[in-house]
Amino acid sequence: MTVRVADETKTARTIWLWRIAFVAAVALQLYGVYSPREAGPHIGIPQIDKVAHCFLFAAVAFTGLKVGVPARWLLGALAANAIVSELVQHWLLPQRDGDPFDVLADLAGVALGAWIATKTHRRANRRTP
């Protein structure tokens, strides 16, 4: 009986940690793509922003799927946000510029995050008796 209660407490704690990670990933992603100035330091590596775009969108896709956000809604919203964010940067943020290659990096991140979530979900289901 004690083991079962401990398992339920661990499960509830894990769910809340994933939810917190999802909210943090969403906040970081929104800050990164909608801040008036380009977020992050300039480190001199060409096209490093594409890696950042990919990572930000992958983190939201992965954590969102992990907490149970329906894939159709989550991935659709992320794909739309990839396009809208670049249009907003181009038209509404004078110190930013919209880049179609950022959209591609964003979409690659969505696909990567979804793929990793799917793989980890399948692996976890194989271990569960």
Protein backbone atom coordinates (compact mmCIF):
# COMPACT_ATOMS: atom_id res chain seq x y z
CA MET A 1 0.00 0.00 0.00
CA THR A 2 2.85 2.41 0.82
CA VAL A 3 4.56 1.72 -2.48
CA ARG A 4 1.39 2.56 -4.38
CA VAL A 5 0.97 5.90 -2.58
CA ALA A 6 4.63 6.72 -3.20
CA ASP A 7 4.22 5.86 -6.89
CA GLU A 8 1.12 8.07 -7.17
CA THR A 9 2.95 10.96 -5.47
CA LYS A 10 5.93 10.52 -7.79
CA THR A 11 3.61 10.42 -10.81
CA ALA A 12 1.76 13.58 -9.74
CA ARG A 13 5.05 15.36 -9.11
CA THR A 14 6.38 14.26 -12.50
CA ILE A 15 3.26 15.52 -14.26
CA TRP A 16 3.59 18.92 -12.58
CA LEU A 17 7.28 19.14 -13.46
CA TRP A 18 6.48 18.45 -17.13
CA ARG A 19 3.74 21.09 -17.03
CA ILE A 20 6.15 23.63 -15.57
CA ALA A 21 8.70 22.70 -18.25
CA PHE A 22 6.03 23.21 -20.94
CA VAL A 23 5.05 26.64 -19.64
CA ALA A 24 8.72 27.63 -19.39
CA ALA A 25 9.41 26.41 -22.94
CA VAL A 26 6.42 28.35 -24.29
CA ALA A 27 7.49 31.52 -22.45
CA LEU A 28 11.08 31.23 -23.69
CA GLN A 29 9.95 30.56 -27.24
CA LEU A 30 7.53 33.49 -27.29
CA TYR A 31 10.19 35.79 -25.85
CA GLY A 32 12.70 34.60 -28.43
CA VAL A 33 10.51 35.18 -31.45
CA TYR A 34 8.51 38.24 -30.38
CA SER A 35 10.97 40.36 -28.40
CA PRO A 36 11.58 43.79 -29.99
CA ARG A 37 15.30 43.07 -30.31
CA GLU A 38 16.97 39.84 -31.27
CA ALA A 39 17.12 37.71 -28.14
CA GLY A 40 20.40 36.31 -26.91
CA PRO A 41 24.01 37.32 -27.25
CA HIS A 42 25.80 37.69 -30.57
CA ILE A 43 28.45 34.99 -30.43
CA GLY A 44 29.76 35.24 -33.97
CA ILE A 45 28.80 31.78 -35.21
CA PRO A 46 27.09 32.08 -38.59
CA GLN A 47 23.46 30.90 -38.67
CA ILE A 48 23.45 29.94 -34.96
CA ASP A 49 20.04 31.58 -34.71
CA LYS A 50 18.65 28.75 -36.85
CA VAL A 51 19.79 26.26 -34.20
CA ALA A 52 18.12 28.39 -31.53
CA HIS A 53 14.88 28.53 -33.54
CA CYS A 54 14.93 24.76 -34.01
CA PHE A 55 15.63 24.15 -30.32
CA LEU A 56 12.93 26.54 -29.08
CA PHE A 57 10.20 25.01 -31.23
CA ALA A 58 11.39 21.45 -30.52
CA ALA A 59 11.24 22.11 -26.77
CA VAL A 60 7.64 23.35 -26.97
CA ALA A 61 6.57 20.46 -29.20
CA PHE A 62 8.24 17.85 -27.00
CA THR A 63 7.04 19.16 -23.64
CA GLY A 64 3.55 19.89 -24.98
CA LEU A 65 3.13 16.36 -26.23
CA LYS A 66 4.61 15.05 -22.99
CA VAL A 67 1.92 16.82 -20.93
CA GLY A 68 -0.84 15.59 -23.21
CA VAL A 69 -1.68 18.57 -25.41
CA PRO A 70 -3.43 17.08 -28.46
CA ALA A 71 -0.86 16.73 -31.23
CA ARG A 72 -3.11 18.15 -33.94
CA TRP A 73 -3.67 21.39 -31.99
CA LEU A 74 -0.15 21.75 -30.65
CA LEU A 75 1.73 21.04 -33.86
CA GLY A 76 -0.73 23.09 -35.91
CA ALA A 77 -0.38 26.06 -33.56
CA LEU A 78 3.41 25.78 -33.63
CA ALA A 79 3.49 25.64 -37.43
CA ALA A 80 1.22 28.70 -37.61
CA ASN A 81 3.37 30.48 -35.03
CA ALA A 82 6.48 29.76 -37.09
CA ILE A 83 5.00 31.68 -40.01
CA VAL A 84 3.24 34.42 -38.03
CA SER A 85 6.28 35.18 -35.89
CA GLU A 86 8.42 35.90 -38.94
CA LEU A 87 5.72 38.08 -40.47
CA VAL A 88 5.45 40.01 -37.19
CA GLN A 89 9.22 40.41 -37.09
CA HIS A 90 9.27 41.67 -40.66
CA TRP A 91 6.30 44.06 -40.52
CA LEU A 92 5.89 45.13 -36.88
CA LEU A 93 9.27 44.94 -35.16
CA PRO A 94 11.59 47.56 -36.72
CA GLN A 95 14.76 46.15 -35.12
CA ARG A 96 14.03 42.62 -36.33
CA ASP A 97 13.76 41.12 -39.78
CA GLY A 98 11.64 38.23 -40.94
CA ASP A 99 13.61 35.36 -42.40
CA PRO A 100 11.99 32.52 -44.37
CA PHE A 101 14.84 30.23 -43.33
CA ASP A 102 13.86 30.82 -39.70
CA VAL A 103 10.44 29.42 -40.59
CA LEU A 104 12.14 26.30 -41.95
CA ALA A 105 14.23 25.99 -38.79
CA ASP A 106 11.07 26.41 -36.69
CA LEU A 107 9.24 23.72 -38.63
CA ALA A 108 12.24 21.41 -38.36
CA GLY A 109 12.13 21.98 -34.61
CA VAL A 110 8.43 21.12 -34.47
CA ALA A 111 9.11 17.89 -36.36
CA LEU A 112 12.14 17.07 -34.19
CA GLY A 113 10.27 17.67 -30.93
CA ALA A 114 7.32 15.57 -32.09
CA TRP A 115 9.62 12.78 -33.23
CA ILE A 116 11.51 12.69 -29.92
CA ALA A 117 8.24 12.73 -27.95
CA THR A 118 6.92 9.84 -30.04
CA LYS A 119 10.10 7.83 -29.59
CA THR A 120 10.23 8.37 -25.83
CA HIS A 121 6.52 7.54 -25.51
CA ARG A 122 6.95 4.27 -27.41
CA ARG A 123 10.01 3.38 -25.36
CA ALA A 124 8.18 4.07 -22.10
CA ASN A 125 5.21 1.95 -23.22
CA ARG A 126 7.52 -0.98 -23.99
CA ARG A 127 8.89 -0.88 -20.43
CA THR A 128 5.45 -0.72 -18.78
CA PRO A 129 4.18 -4.22 -17.91
